[in-house]
Structures are given as structure tokens and as C-alpha cells.
Amino acid sequence: FDRIKEYGIFGEYYEKAEQKLETLTIEEKIAQLFVIGNSANTDYTELQKYQFGGYLFFKEFFNEKTEKQVKNKIEQYQKASKIPLLMAVDEEGGIVVRISNNKNLSATPFKASSQIYNNGGFEAIKQDTINKSNFLNNLGINLNFAPVVDIANNPKDYMYSRSLQQDKDKTAIFAKTVIEASKGLGVSYTLKHFPGYGNNADTHIGSSIDKRTYED
């Protein structure tokens, strides 16, 4: 308890982390802050050279691969790294499914959070998180850049189709439900996007100015 109080929720591992850091060069310490995009053709050269923190796998990486091929490739990346890698993906469900749209890996793609909630409430959200976590963990993926916790109520909003499409109170329960359901299953989750898209435009293709009030 004292260690957690002094160093935070990762206090139990603080000393081990300090010992590991002492074995790294300054370049490797900096590289550990980065998660690098991985395409279908990414080899091990940069990983072995820089020893960065992890990979973010895109749809192209999984295209037409079998479960065995995906697991073997991810395992090879892990073996090439001095420190276990974060293996990340955007597997939100709905229109953002990097893995489960591959029929070699999943019979059906994961559904959007709004559809799951409308059909079964938070209990269905919990079960979906468990299913998704087990699915990702089996492949060697240990970090999911999901769920989307933006509050978007207008179908014209860019983030509407990816959000829960509910108010702030239900969205908060949604976030808590996903995180609690994922514990102990080998996959971490990232609540995104901060500070929230609201009704703003797509920043993947340009800049966006948020004109909401501070109260909103």
C-alpha cells in the first residue's frame, strides 16, 4: 500500500522498471515512448536498431492472413525486442475493425458500441469487451485503441457513428464498463479521444477549431 501511495498504481513494479531503465541507452529510453505504425511489409531492422515501445497494426497487416500467420509474425517481433512490445490495434467495432473484418480470423466483424448498447445495454457491452479481449489476446495483441468515448448526438457529427450516441452520464458508465470488463484478460484499453471530438470535423484530413463553450 505504501509503495502504491508513493509511486502510483504501478508502484509494485517501480523498482523493477528503474532497474530496467538503467540498462537502456538514452536513445532506447526515448524510443520506448513511441508506438510505430506497422504495415504488411514492416521488417525487424528498425525495431532492432531503435528498440521502440511497440507497434500499431493497421488493416493491411492482417489482410488475408491466417491466425497462425498473425501469431507467428507478432511473436517474431516480440523476440526481436529487448523489452516486451506494446502490440496495438484500433478494434473499436462498427466501421473501425482492423482485424475482425478478416474472415480468416473472425466469422463476423465486431459491432459498433451504439448497436451493442441499443440491443443489450451495458451487460452486452461488458460481454463484447470480454469477447474482444480474448480474441485480441489470442493473437498476441495487448493494447486496443478503444473505446471511443466522445459524446456525439448529432448524426451529422464526424464521430457520431463511432460513438455510443448517448449523453455524458451514459457514456461515462460505458467507459467504466469497458475498462472493468477488460481487467485480467491481457489487453489494455485506451479511452479516446481527448478532449473529445464533439461536433467537430475529421482531423485526419485537416485541422479543426472547436467552438463549444468551456461549460459544454
Protein backbone atom coordinates (compact mmCIF):
# COMPACT_ATOMS: atom_id res chain seq x y z
CA PHE A 1 0.00 0.00 0.00
CA ASP A 2 2.79 2.43 0.92
CA ARG A 3 4.56 1.75 -2.37
CA ILE A 4 1.36 2.40 -4.34
CA LYS A 5 0.72 5.55 -2.32
CA GLU A 6 4.21 6.86 -3.09
CA TYR A 7 4.59 5.83 -6.73
CA GLY A 8 1.03 5.44 -8.03
CA ILE A 9 -0.88 2.41 -9.32
CA PHE A 10 2.28 0.91 -10.85
CA GLY A 11 4.18 1.18 -7.56
CA GLU A 12 4.52 -2.58 -7.31
CA TYR A 13 6.72 -2.52 -10.44
CA TYR A 14 8.55 0.74 -9.85
CA GLU A 15 11.86 -0.73 -8.67
CA LYS A 16 11.94 -3.32 -11.47
CA ALA A 17 11.26 -0.57 -14.00
CA GLU A 18 14.08 1.55 -12.56
CA GLN A 19 16.49 -1.39 -12.81
CA LYS A 20 15.48 -2.00 -16.42
CA LEU A 21 15.89 1.66 -17.33
CA GLU A 22 19.49 1.58 -16.08
CA THR A 23 20.30 -1.00 -18.78
CA LEU A 24 19.00 1.20 -21.63
CA THR A 25 20.82 3.84 -23.63
CA ILE A 26 19.35 7.35 -23.81
CA GLU A 27 18.24 6.59 -27.39
CA GLU A 28 16.42 3.45 -26.24
CA LYS A 29 14.71 5.33 -23.40
CA ILE A 30 13.39 7.87 -25.90
CA ALA A 31 12.34 5.13 -28.34
CA GLN A 32 10.29 3.47 -25.60
CA LEU A 33 7.90 6.44 -25.76
CA PHE A 34 6.89 5.61 -29.34
CA VAL A 35 4.36 3.20 -30.83
CA ILE A 36 5.20 2.82 -34.53
CA GLY A 37 2.78 2.15 -37.37
CA ASN A 38 3.20 -1.31 -38.86
CA SER A 39 2.29 -2.17 -42.44
CA ALA A 40 2.25 -5.55 -44.13
CA ASN A 41 5.89 -5.13 -45.19
CA THR A 42 7.47 -3.96 -41.93
CA ASP A 43 10.62 -5.94 -41.10
CA TYR A 44 12.71 -6.09 -37.91
CA THR A 45 15.51 -3.71 -38.92
CA GLU A 46 14.17 -0.53 -37.30
CA LEU A 47 12.92 -2.42 -34.24
CA GLN A 48 16.33 -3.96 -33.59
CA LYS A 49 18.05 -0.62 -34.20
CA TYR A 50 15.83 1.67 -32.09
CA GLN A 51 14.06 -0.67 -29.63
CA PHE A 52 10.87 1.42 -29.62
CA GLY A 53 7.89 0.79 -27.36
CA GLY A 54 5.51 -1.01 -29.68
CA TYR A 55 3.64 -1.37 -32.95
CA LEU A 56 0.26 -0.14 -34.10
CA PHE A 57 -1.06 -2.66 -36.63
CA PHE A 58 -3.25 -1.47 -39.47
CA LYS A 59 -5.74 -3.38 -41.60
CA GLU A 60 -3.12 -4.17 -44.24
CA PHE A 61 -1.11 -6.21 -41.76
CA PHE A 62 -3.98 -8.66 -41.22
CA ASN A 63 -5.28 -8.86 -44.79
CA GLU A 64 -5.72 -12.47 -45.93
CA LYS A 65 -3.52 -13.79 -43.10
CA THR A 66 -4.47 -16.86 -41.09
CA GLU A 67 -4.50 -16.94 -37.31
CA LYS A 68 -1.23 -18.89 -37.30
CA GLN A 69 0.46 -16.35 -39.59
CA VAL A 70 -0.58 -13.41 -37.43
CA LYS A 71 0.51 -15.07 -34.20
CA ASN A 72 3.86 -16.14 -35.65
CA LYS A 73 4.62 -12.67 -37.01
CA ILE A 74 3.78 -10.94 -33.74
CA GLU A 75 5.82 -13.48 -31.80
CA GLN A 76 8.82 -12.81 -34.06
CA TYR A 77 8.53 -9.07 -33.36
CA GLN A 78 8.48 -9.75 -29.63
CA LYS A 79 11.61 -11.90 -29.86
CA ALA A 80 13.43 -9.10 -31.69
CA SER A 81 12.83 -6.63 -28.86
CA LYS A 82 14.78 -6.22 -25.62
CA ILE A 83 11.61 -5.16 -23.82
CA PRO A 84 8.17 -6.74 -24.41
CA LEU A 85 6.37 -4.67 -27.02
CA LEU A 86 3.01 -2.98 -26.86
CA MET A 87 1.09 -4.62 -29.71
CA ALA A 88 -1.72 -2.22 -30.52
CA VAL A 89 -4.69 -2.06 -32.86
CA ASP A 90 -7.82 0.01 -33.46
CA GLU A 91 -10.53 -2.61 -32.99
CA GLU A 92 -13.47 -0.42 -31.97
CA GLY A 93 -16.22 -2.33 -33.72
CA GLY A 94 -18.54 -0.98 -36.40
CA ILE A 95 -16.74 0.94 -39.14
CA VAL A 96 -13.32 0.64 -37.43
CA VAL A 97 -12.34 -3.03 -37.39
CA ARG A 98 -8.74 -3.72 -38.36
CA ILE A 99 -8.80 -7.46 -37.62
CA SER A 100 -12.29 -8.92 -37.34
CA ASN A 101 -13.19 -7.94 -40.90
CA ASN A 102 -10.78 -10.70 -42.00
CA LYS A 103 -12.94 -13.84 -42.29
CA ASN A 104 -9.86 -16.00 -41.72
CA LEU A 105 -9.67 -14.55 -38.22
CA SER A 106 -13.30 -13.89 -37.27
CA ALA A 107 -16.62 -15.21 -38.53
CA THR A 108 -18.17 -11.74 -38.17
CA PRO A 109 -16.78 -8.25 -37.52
CA PHE A 110 -17.29 -6.73 -34.08
CA LYS A 111 -20.34 -4.47 -33.91
CA ALA A 112 -20.42 -0.76 -33.13
CA SER A 113 -20.80 0.17 -29.46
CA SER A 114 -24.08 2.02 -30.16
CA GLN A 115 -25.59 -1.07 -31.78
CA ILE A 116 -24.47 -3.31 -28.92
CA TYR A 117 -25.84 -0.89 -26.32
CA ASN A 118 -29.17 -0.46 -28.11
CA ASN A 119 -29.64 -4.22 -28.32
CA GLY A 120 -28.49 -5.24 -24.85
CA GLY A 121 -27.42 -2.33 -22.69
CA PHE A 122 -24.28 -2.28 -20.59
CA GLU A 123 -24.38 -6.01 -19.92
CA ALA A 124 -23.96 -6.58 -23.65
CA ILE A 125 -21.12 -4.02 -23.70
CA LYS A 126 -19.41 -5.98 -20.93
CA GLN A 127 -19.70 -9.28 -22.79
CA ASP A 128 -18.50 -7.72 -26.04
CA THR A 129 -15.41 -6.38 -24.25
CA ILE A 130 -14.65 -9.83 -22.84
CA ASN A 131 -15.08 -11.46 -26.25
CA LYS A 132 -12.94 -8.83 -27.93
CA SER A 133 -10.22 -9.05 -25.30
CA ASN A 134 -9.99 -12.82 -25.61
CA PHE A 135 -9.91 -12.52 -29.40
CA LEU A 136 -7.08 -9.96 -29.37
CA ASN A 137 -5.09 -11.68 -26.64
CA ASN A 138 -5.15 -14.95 -28.57
CA LEU A 139 -3.42 -13.23 -31.50
CA GLY A 140 -0.80 -11.52 -29.34
CA ILE A 141 -2.40 -8.06 -29.33
CA ASN A 142 -2.16 -6.47 -25.87
CA LEU A 143 -3.41 -2.90 -26.44
CA ASN A 144 -6.66 -1.79 -28.05
CA PHE A 145 -7.10 1.87 -29.01
CA ALA A 146 -10.76 1.76 -27.98
CA PRO A 147 -13.38 2.52 -26.81
CA VAL A 148 -14.50 5.80 -28.35
CA VAL A 149 -15.97 7.87 -25.52
CA ASP A 150 -16.66 11.05 -27.48
CA ILE A 151 -20.12 12.48 -26.90
CA ALA A 152 -21.81 12.87 -30.26
CA ASN A 153 -25.61 13.10 -30.51
CA ASN A 154 -25.96 14.53 -34.00
CA PRO A 155 -25.86 12.09 -36.95
CA LYS A 156 -24.01 14.81 -38.90
CA ASP A 157 -21.08 14.74 -36.42
CA TYR A 158 -17.93 13.10 -37.77
CA MET A 159 -17.58 10.90 -34.67
CA TYR A 160 -21.29 10.01 -34.37
CA SER A 161 -21.12 6.55 -35.99
CA ARG A 162 -18.16 5.57 -33.79
CA SER A 163 -19.58 6.85 -30.50
CA LEU A 164 -22.11 5.39 -28.08
CA GLN A 165 -24.52 8.12 -29.26
CA GLN A 166 -25.67 8.77 -25.68
CA ASP A 167 -25.29 11.61 -23.15
CA LYS A 168 -22.29 12.20 -20.88
CA ASP A 169 -23.64 10.15 -17.98
CA LYS A 170 -24.27 7.01 -20.01
CA THR A 171 -21.01 7.50 -21.88
CA ALA A 172 -19.17 7.62 -18.56
CA ILE A 173 -20.79 4.34 -17.49
CA PHE A 174 -19.82 2.90 -20.87
CA ALA A 175 -16.16 3.83 -20.30
CA LYS A 176 -16.17 2.33 -16.81
CA THR A 177 -17.88 -0.84 -18.03
CA VAL A 178 -15.30 -1.48 -20.76
CA ILE A 179 -12.29 -0.86 -18.51
CA GLU A 180 -13.58 -3.02 -15.66
CA ALA A 181 -14.61 -5.84 -18.00
CA SER A 182 -11.15 -5.88 -19.60
CA LYS A 183 -9.21 -6.35 -16.38
CA GLY A 184 -7.23 -9.56 -16.12
CA LEU A 185 -7.73 -10.52 -19.76
CA GLY A 186 -4.30 -9.48 -21.06
CA VAL A 187 -5.44 -6.49 -23.13
CA SER A 188 -5.32 -2.83 -22.10
CA TYR A 189 -7.79 -0.26 -23.46
CA THR A 190 -7.44 3.42 -24.35
CA LEU A 191 -10.31 5.83 -23.79
CA LYS A 192 -10.35 8.13 -26.81
CA HIS A 193 -10.46 10.90 -27.98
CA PHE A 194 -9.29 13.59 -25.59
CA PRO A 195 -10.67 16.20 -25.13
CA GLY A 196 -13.45 14.85 -27.36
CA TYR A 197 -14.42 15.49 -30.96
CA GLY A 198 -17.88 16.83 -30.18
CA ASN A 199 -19.39 18.04 -33.45
CA ASN A 200 -16.03 18.90 -35.00
CA ALA A 201 -14.56 17.89 -38.35
CA ASP A 202 -12.24 14.99 -39.15
CA THR A 203 -8.70 15.94 -38.05
CA HIS A 204 -7.18 13.07 -40.04
CA ILE A 205 -7.53 15.18 -43.17
CA GLY A 206 -7.23 18.73 -41.81
CA SER A 207 -7.38 20.98 -38.77
CA SER A 208 -10.46 21.68 -36.68
CA ILE A 209 -11.40 24.58 -34.40
CA ASP A 210 -13.70 23.70 -31.51
CA LYS A 211 -16.23 26.49 -30.93
CA ARG A 212 -18.02 24.89 -27.97
CA THR A 213 -18.15 26.82 -24.71
CA TYR A 214 -15.98 25.75 -21.78
CA GLU A 215 -19.16 24.66 -19.98
CA ASP A 216 -20.02 22.28 -22.85
